[in-house]
Amino acid sequence: MRVGRRARRVLVAAALIGLATPSTRAAAPIRFEFKVPALAGGTLSSQDIKGKIAVIDVWATWCGPCRMVIPHLVKLQDKFKDKGVTVIGLNSDEDASSGPGLESVKRFVREHDINYPIGLMNSQAYVDLARVMGFNAEDGFSLPTTIVLGRNGLVLKRYPGYFHGQEQELEQLISGLIDSEAEQPKKP
């Protein structure tokens, strides 16, 4: 699924200023920095998840594949939250910042029993998403888009779109990260 005109314009702007080029993507370890309005009020940012393994899922209420992956993310949050793992949902509905669009997102979250924090994408978050994912700004991007961040805030894995078996791959990745941490000798 593709994102609408507003997001496409932001991604085009990102490409024009050089944020979404392959050379940027390959140059150094990548961080996904974001600060967005939180659905529950206040803000939600990458600073809030410092020191945690984070699964960031960009989704929309109208996106069929997003509806398929969300129940698995709810289970992932339940399974790993006590091990320093968090799921963050970033909603990309174009009209979600206020009024009926905002109420639609809130209703969706309630109906799908989403148990993790939800943020509302803004133009700066779209710019950074384009940089992290290396999107072709003219084409927009696929939903859902999922990014896994390590405890150091660096991007470990990127999933543009959804594929059958992605849930198992995510769970194996997170289990492997936790297991490898457990095997590390403790620093005195």
C-alpha atoms as a PDB file:
ATOM      1  CA  MET A   1       0.000   0.000   0.000  1.00  0.00           C
ATOM      2  CA  ARG A   2       1.197   3.500  -0.661  1.00  0.00           C
ATOM      3  CA  VAL A   3       1.073   6.644   1.418  1.00  0.00           C
ATOM      4  CA  GLY A   4      -0.821   9.742   0.300  1.00  0.00           C
ATOM      5  CA  ARG A   5       0.133  13.035  -1.271  1.00  0.00           C
ATOM      6  CA  ARG A   6       1.258  14.830   1.900  1.00  0.00           C
ATOM      7  CA  ALA A   7       3.763  12.129   2.748  1.00  0.00           C
ATOM      8  CA  ARG A   8       4.903  11.898  -0.856  1.00  0.00           C
ATOM      9  CA  ARG A   9       5.603  15.674  -0.887  1.00  0.00           C
ATOM     10  CA  VAL A  10       7.650  15.345   2.290  1.00  0.00           C
ATOM     11  CA  LEU A  11       9.598  12.438   0.826  1.00  0.00           C
ATOM     12  CA  VAL A  12      10.231  14.397  -2.382  1.00  0.00           C
ATOM     13  CA  ALA A  13      11.550  17.264  -0.262  1.00  0.00           C
ATOM     14  CA  ALA A  14      13.806  14.805   1.568  1.00  0.00           C
ATOM     15  CA  ALA A  15      15.200  13.565  -1.713  1.00  0.00           C
ATOM     16  CA  LEU A  16      15.792  17.105  -2.924  1.00  0.00           C
ATOM     17  CA  ILE A  17      17.852  17.964   0.138  1.00  0.00           C
ATOM     18  CA  GLY A  18      19.751  14.691  -0.084  1.00  0.00           C
ATOM     19  CA  LEU A  19      18.361  12.771   2.876  1.00  0.00           C
ATOM     20  CA  ALA A  20      17.055   9.784   0.944  1.00  0.00           C
ATOM     21  CA  THR A  21      20.092   8.910  -1.145  1.00  0.00           C
ATOM     22  CA  PRO A  22      21.744   5.481  -1.166  1.00  0.00           C
ATOM     23  CA  SER A  23      25.102   7.064  -0.266  1.00  0.00           C
ATOM     24  CA  THR A  24      23.638   8.380   3.003  1.00  0.00           C
ATOM     25  CA  ARG A  25      22.177   4.971   3.747  1.00  0.00           C
ATOM     26  CA  ALA A  26      25.462   3.120   3.370  1.00  0.00           C
ATOM     27  CA  ALA A  27      27.793   5.736   4.882  1.00  0.00           C
ATOM     28  CA  ALA A  28      27.436   4.964   8.596  1.00  0.00           C
ATOM     29  CA  PRO A  29      25.295   3.175  11.148  1.00  0.00           C
ATOM     30  CA  ILE A  30      21.793   4.598  10.971  1.00  0.00           C
ATOM     31  CA  ARG A  31      19.578   5.906  13.743  1.00  0.00           C
ATOM     32  CA  PHE A  32      15.858   6.504  13.387  1.00  0.00           C
ATOM     33  CA  GLU A  33      15.299   9.697  15.352  1.00  0.00           C
ATOM     34  CA  PHE A  34      11.700  10.804  15.763  1.00  0.00           C
ATOM     35  CA  LYS A  35       9.560  13.025  17.933  1.00  0.00           C
ATOM     36  CA  VAL A  36       5.844  12.852  17.217  1.00  0.00           C
ATOM     37  CA  PRO A  37       2.594  13.652  18.979  1.00  0.00           C
ATOM     38  CA  ALA A  38       1.523  10.694  21.123  1.00  0.00           C
ATOM     39  CA  LEU A  39      -2.025   9.407  20.763  1.00  0.00           C
ATOM     40  CA  ALA A  40      -2.311   9.365  24.562  1.00  0.00           C
ATOM     41  CA  GLY A  41      -1.157  13.001  24.779  1.00  0.00           C
ATOM     42  CA  GLY A  42       2.258  14.607  24.984  1.00  0.00           C
ATOM     43  CA  THR A  43       4.984  13.369  22.681  1.00  0.00           C
ATOM     44  CA  LEU A  44       6.617  10.078  21.789  1.00  0.00           C
ATOM     45  CA  SER A  45      10.243  10.087  20.740  1.00  0.00           C
ATOM     46  CA  SER A  46      13.278   7.940  20.119  1.00  0.00           C
ATOM     47  CA  GLN A  47      14.605   9.319  23.427  1.00  0.00           C
ATOM     48  CA  ASP A  48      11.759   7.502  25.218  1.00  0.00           C
ATOM     49  CA  ILE A  49      13.097   4.125  24.098  1.00  0.00           C
ATOM     50  CA  LYS A  50      16.788   4.654  24.824  1.00  0.00           C
ATOM     51  CA  GLY A  51      18.357   1.454  26.117  1.00  0.00           C
ATOM     52  CA  LYS A  52      15.554  -0.750  24.797  1.00  0.00           C
ATOM     53  CA  ILE A  53      15.244  -2.976  21.783  1.00  0.00           C
ATOM     54  CA  ALA A  54      12.467  -1.314  19.808  1.00  0.00           C
ATOM     55  CA  VAL A  55      10.174  -2.490  17.050  1.00  0.00           C
ATOM     56  CA  ILE A  56       8.831   0.595  15.263  1.00  0.00           C
ATOM     57  CA  ASP A  57       5.801  -0.091  13.075  1.00  0.00           C
ATOM     58  CA  VAL A  58       4.511   2.571  10.661  1.00  0.00           C
ATOM     59  CA  TRP A  59       0.885   1.768   9.850  1.00  0.00           C
ATOM     60  CA  ALA A  60      -2.505   3.175   8.840  1.00  0.00           C
ATOM     61  CA  THR A  61      -6.071   2.314   9.794  1.00  0.00           C
ATOM     62  CA  TRP A  62      -7.021   1.637   6.154  1.00  0.00           C
ATOM     63  CA  CYS A  63      -4.052  -0.697   5.477  1.00  0.00           C
ATOM     64  CA  GLY A  64      -4.994  -4.389   5.156  1.00  0.00           C
ATOM     65  CA  PRO A  65      -1.475  -5.777   5.728  1.00  0.00           C
ATOM     66  CA  CYS A  66      -1.142  -3.490   8.779  1.00  0.00           C
ATOM     67  CA  ARG A  67      -4.240  -5.131  10.236  1.00  0.00           C
ATOM     68  CA  MET A  68      -2.565  -8.520   9.700  1.00  0.00           C
ATOM     69  CA  VAL A  69       0.669  -7.649  11.531  1.00  0.00           C
ATOM     70  CA  ILE A  70      -0.776  -5.684  14.485  1.00  0.00           C
ATOM     71  CA  PRO A  71      -2.042  -8.754  16.443  1.00  0.00           C
ATOM     72  CA  HIS A  72       1.457 -10.220  16.235  1.00  0.00           C
ATOM     73  CA  LEU A  73       2.989  -6.972  17.483  1.00  0.00           C
ATOM     74  CA  VAL A  74       0.564  -7.008  20.421  1.00  0.00           C
ATOM     75  CA  LYS A  75       1.789 -10.539  21.294  1.00  0.00           C
ATOM     76  CA  LEU A  76       5.413  -9.470  20.806  1.00  0.00           C
ATOM     77  CA  GLN A  77       4.907  -6.578  23.240  1.00  0.00           C
ATOM     78  CA  ASP A  78       3.379  -8.943  25.820  1.00  0.00           C
ATOM     79  CA  LYS A  79       6.107 -11.550  25.426  1.00  0.00           C
ATOM     80  CA  PHE A  80       9.161  -9.287  25.573  1.00  0.00           C
ATOM     81  CA  LYS A  81       8.181  -6.124  27.486  1.00  0.00           C
ATOM     82  CA  ASP A  82       9.801  -7.404  30.698  1.00  0.00           C
ATOM     83  CA  LYS A  83      13.060  -7.992  28.807  1.00  0.00           C
ATOM     84  CA  GLY A  84      13.586  -4.385  27.738  1.00  0.00           C
ATOM     85  CA  VAL A  85      11.795  -4.635  24.412  1.00  0.00           C
ATOM     86  CA  THR A  86       9.089  -2.254  23.265  1.00  0.00           C
ATOM     87  CA  VAL A  87       6.851  -1.915  20.261  1.00  0.00           C
ATOM     88  CA  ILE A  88       5.983   1.581  19.043  1.00  0.00           C
ATOM     89  CA  GLY A  89       3.269   2.209  16.467  1.00  0.00           C
ATOM     90  CA  LEU A  90       3.510   5.295  14.281  1.00  0.00           C
ATOM     91  CA  ASN A  91       0.195   6.004  12.570  1.00  0.00           C
ATOM     92  CA  SER A  92       0.401   7.561   9.112  1.00  0.00           C
ATOM     93  CA  ASP A  93      -3.263   8.381   8.460  1.00  0.00           C
ATOM     94  CA  GLU A  94      -3.249  11.787   6.783  1.00  0.00           C
ATOM     95  CA  ASP A  95      -6.083  13.229   8.854  1.00  0.00           C
ATOM     96  CA  ALA A  96      -5.132  11.735  12.238  1.00  0.00           C
ATOM     97  CA  SER A  97      -3.935  14.913  13.938  1.00  0.00           C
ATOM     98  CA  SER A  98      -7.401  16.088  14.988  1.00  0.00           C
ATOM     99  CA  GLY A  99     -11.155  15.686  14.689  1.00  0.00           C
ATOM    100  CA  PRO A 100     -12.752  12.623  13.124  1.00  0.00           C
ATOM    101  CA  GLY A 101      -9.411  11.286  11.877  1.00  0.00           C
ATOM    102  CA  LEU A 102      -7.972  11.293  15.382  1.00  0.00           C
ATOM    103  CA  GLU A 103     -11.098   9.615  16.756  1.00  0.00           C
ATOM    104  CA  SER A 104     -10.824   6.977  14.025  1.00  0.00           C
ATOM    105  CA  VAL A 105      -7.267   6.132  15.098  1.00  0.00           C
ATOM    106  CA  LYS A 106      -8.290   5.970  18.777  1.00  0.00           C
ATOM    107  CA  ARG A 107     -11.202   3.667  17.913  1.00  0.00           C
ATOM    108  CA  PHE A 108      -8.897   1.444  15.821  1.00  0.00           C
ATOM    109  CA  VAL A 109      -6.420   1.154  18.707  1.00  0.00           C
ATOM    110  CA  ARG A 110      -9.220   0.172  21.124  1.00  0.00           C
ATOM    111  CA  GLU A 111     -10.821  -2.325  18.703  1.00  0.00           C
ATOM    112  CA  HIS A 112      -7.484  -4.046  18.022  1.00  0.00           C
ATOM    113  CA  ASP A 113      -6.424  -4.073  21.697  1.00  0.00           C
ATOM    114  CA  ILE A 114      -3.134  -2.359  20.854  1.00  0.00           C
ATOM    115  CA  ASN A 115      -1.054  -2.486  24.032  1.00  0.00           C
ATOM    116  CA  TYR A 116       1.895  -0.364  22.962  1.00  0.00           C
ATOM    117  CA  PRO A 117       2.396   3.394  22.547  1.00  0.00           C
ATOM    118  CA  ILE A 118       1.072   5.031  19.387  1.00  0.00           C
ATOM    119  CA  GLY A 119       2.489   8.174  17.824  1.00  0.00           C
ATOM    120  CA  LEU A 120       1.118  10.241  14.950  1.00  0.00           C
ATOM    121  CA  MET A 121       3.577  10.707  12.089  1.00  0.00           C
ATOM    122  CA  ASN A 122       4.600  14.269  11.290  1.00  0.00           C
ATOM    123  CA  SER A 123       6.579  15.729   8.400  1.00  0.00           C
ATOM    124  CA  GLN A 124       9.951  15.445  10.151  1.00  0.00           C
ATOM    125  CA  ALA A 125       9.310  11.788  11.013  1.00  0.00           C
ATOM    126  CA  TYR A 126       8.550  11.142   7.316  1.00  0.00           C
ATOM    127  CA  VAL A 127      11.839  12.773   6.329  1.00  0.00           C
ATOM    128  CA  ASP A 128      13.800  10.599   8.740  1.00  0.00           C
ATOM    129  CA  LEU A 129      11.863   7.489   7.730  1.00  0.00           C
ATOM    130  CA  ALA A 130      12.853   8.131   4.109  1.00  0.00           C
ATOM    131  CA  ARG A 131      16.493   8.512   5.134  1.00  0.00           C
ATOM    132  CA  VAL A 132      16.488   5.318   7.212  1.00  0.00           C
ATOM    133  CA  MET A 133      14.665   3.211   4.646  1.00  0.00           C
ATOM    134  CA  GLY A 134      16.369   4.636   1.552  1.00  0.00           C
ATOM    135  CA  PHE A 135      12.996   5.176  -0.123  1.00  0.00           C
ATOM    136  CA  ASN A 136      12.565   6.497  -3.611  1.00  0.00           C
ATOM    137  CA  ALA A 137      10.664   9.614  -2.621  1.00  0.00           C
ATOM    138  CA  GLU A 138       8.646   9.760  -5.826  1.00  0.00           C
ATOM    139  CA  ASP A 139       7.211   6.302  -5.207  1.00  0.00           C
ATOM    140  CA  GLY A 140       6.287   6.845  -1.557  1.00  0.00           C
ATOM    141  CA  PHE A 141       6.655   3.864   0.741  1.00  0.00           C
ATOM    142  CA  SER A 142       4.949   0.627   1.664  1.00  0.00           C
ATOM    143  CA  LEU A 143       2.770   0.067   4.683  1.00  0.00           C
ATOM    144  CA  PRO A 144       3.379  -1.381   7.082  1.00  0.00           C
ATOM    145  CA  THR A 145       7.014  -0.382   7.384  1.00  0.00           C
ATOM    146  CA  THR A 146       8.761  -1.925  10.367  1.00  0.00           C
ATOM    147  CA  ILE A 147      12.163  -1.000  11.794  1.00  0.00           C
ATOM    148  CA  VAL A 148      14.006  -2.817  14.578  1.00  0.00           C
ATOM    149  CA  LEU A 149      16.364  -0.712  16.698  1.00  0.00           C
ATOM    150  CA  GLY A 150      19.029  -2.053  19.031  1.00  0.00           C
ATOM    151  CA  ARG A 151      19.466  -0.813  22.581  1.00  0.00           C
ATOM    152  CA  ASN A 152      22.027   1.656  21.225  1.00  0.00           C
ATOM    153  CA  GLY A 153      19.385   3.204  18.947  1.00  0.00           C
ATOM    154  CA  LEU A 154      20.926   1.893  15.733  1.00  0.00           C
ATOM    155  CA  VAL A 155      18.784   0.309  13.024  1.00  0.00           C
ATOM    156  CA  LEU A 156      19.247  -3.469  13.018  1.00  0.00           C
ATOM    157  CA  LYS A 157      16.591  -4.520  10.508  1.00  0.00           C
ATOM    158  CA  ARG A 158      14.159  -2.867   8.100  1.00  0.00           C
ATOM    159  CA  TYR A 159      10.979  -4.366   6.702  1.00  0.00           C
ATOM    160  CA  PRO A 160       9.380  -2.359   3.882  1.00  0.00           C
ATOM    161  CA  GLY A 161       5.897  -3.828   3.605  1.00  0.00           C
ATOM    162  CA  TYR A 162       4.652  -7.123   4.960  1.00  0.00           C
ATOM    163  CA  PHE A 163       5.419 -10.718   4.024  1.00  0.00           C
ATOM    164  CA  HIS A 164       4.119 -14.040   5.287  1.00  0.00           C
ATOM    165  CA  GLY A 165       6.400 -15.211   8.077  1.00  0.00           C
ATOM    166  CA  GLN A 166       7.569 -11.725   9.064  1.00  0.00           C
ATOM    167  CA  GLU A 167       6.138 -12.208  12.552  1.00  0.00           C
ATOM    168  CA  GLN A 168       8.265 -15.301  13.150  1.00  0.00           C
ATOM    169  CA  GLU A 169      11.343 -13.581  11.767  1.00  0.00           C
ATOM    170  CA  LEU A 170      10.825 -10.603  14.094  1.00  0.00           C
ATOM    171  CA  GLU A 171      10.369 -12.862  17.100  1.00  0.00           C
ATOM    172  CA  GLN A 172      13.478 -14.885  16.220  1.00  0.00           C
ATOM    173  CA  LEU A 173      15.516 -11.706  15.757  1.00  0.00           C
ATOM    174  CA  ILE A 174      14.458 -10.324  19.140  1.00  0.00           C
ATOM    175  CA  SER A 175      14.945 -13.675  20.893  1.00  0.00           C
ATOM    176  CA  GLY A 176      18.411 -13.909  19.363  1.00  0.00           C
ATOM    177  CA  LEU A 177      19.320 -10.408  20.534  1.00  0.00           C
ATOM    178  CA  ILE A 178      18.164 -11.150  24.069  1.00  0.00           C
ATOM    179  CA  ASP A 179      19.954 -14.517  24.095  1.00  0.00           C
ATOM    180  CA  SER A 180      23.212 -12.973  22.860  1.00  0.00           C
ATOM    181  CA  GLU A 181      22.998 -10.326  25.593  1.00  0.00           C
ATOM    182  CA  ALA A 182      22.553 -13.061  28.202  1.00  0.00           C
ATOM    183  CA  GLU A 183      25.691 -14.777  26.923  1.00  0.00           C
ATOM    184  CA  GLN A 184      27.784 -11.596  27.195  1.00  0.00           C
ATOM    185  CA  PRO A 185      29.995 -11.466  30.275  1.00  0.00           C
ATOM    186  CA  LYS A 186      28.782  -8.928  32.795  1.00  0.00           C
ATOM    187  CA  LYS A 187      31.004  -5.856  33.178  1.00  0.00           C
ATOM    188  CA  PRO A 188      32.251  -5.317  36.737  1.00  0.00           C
END
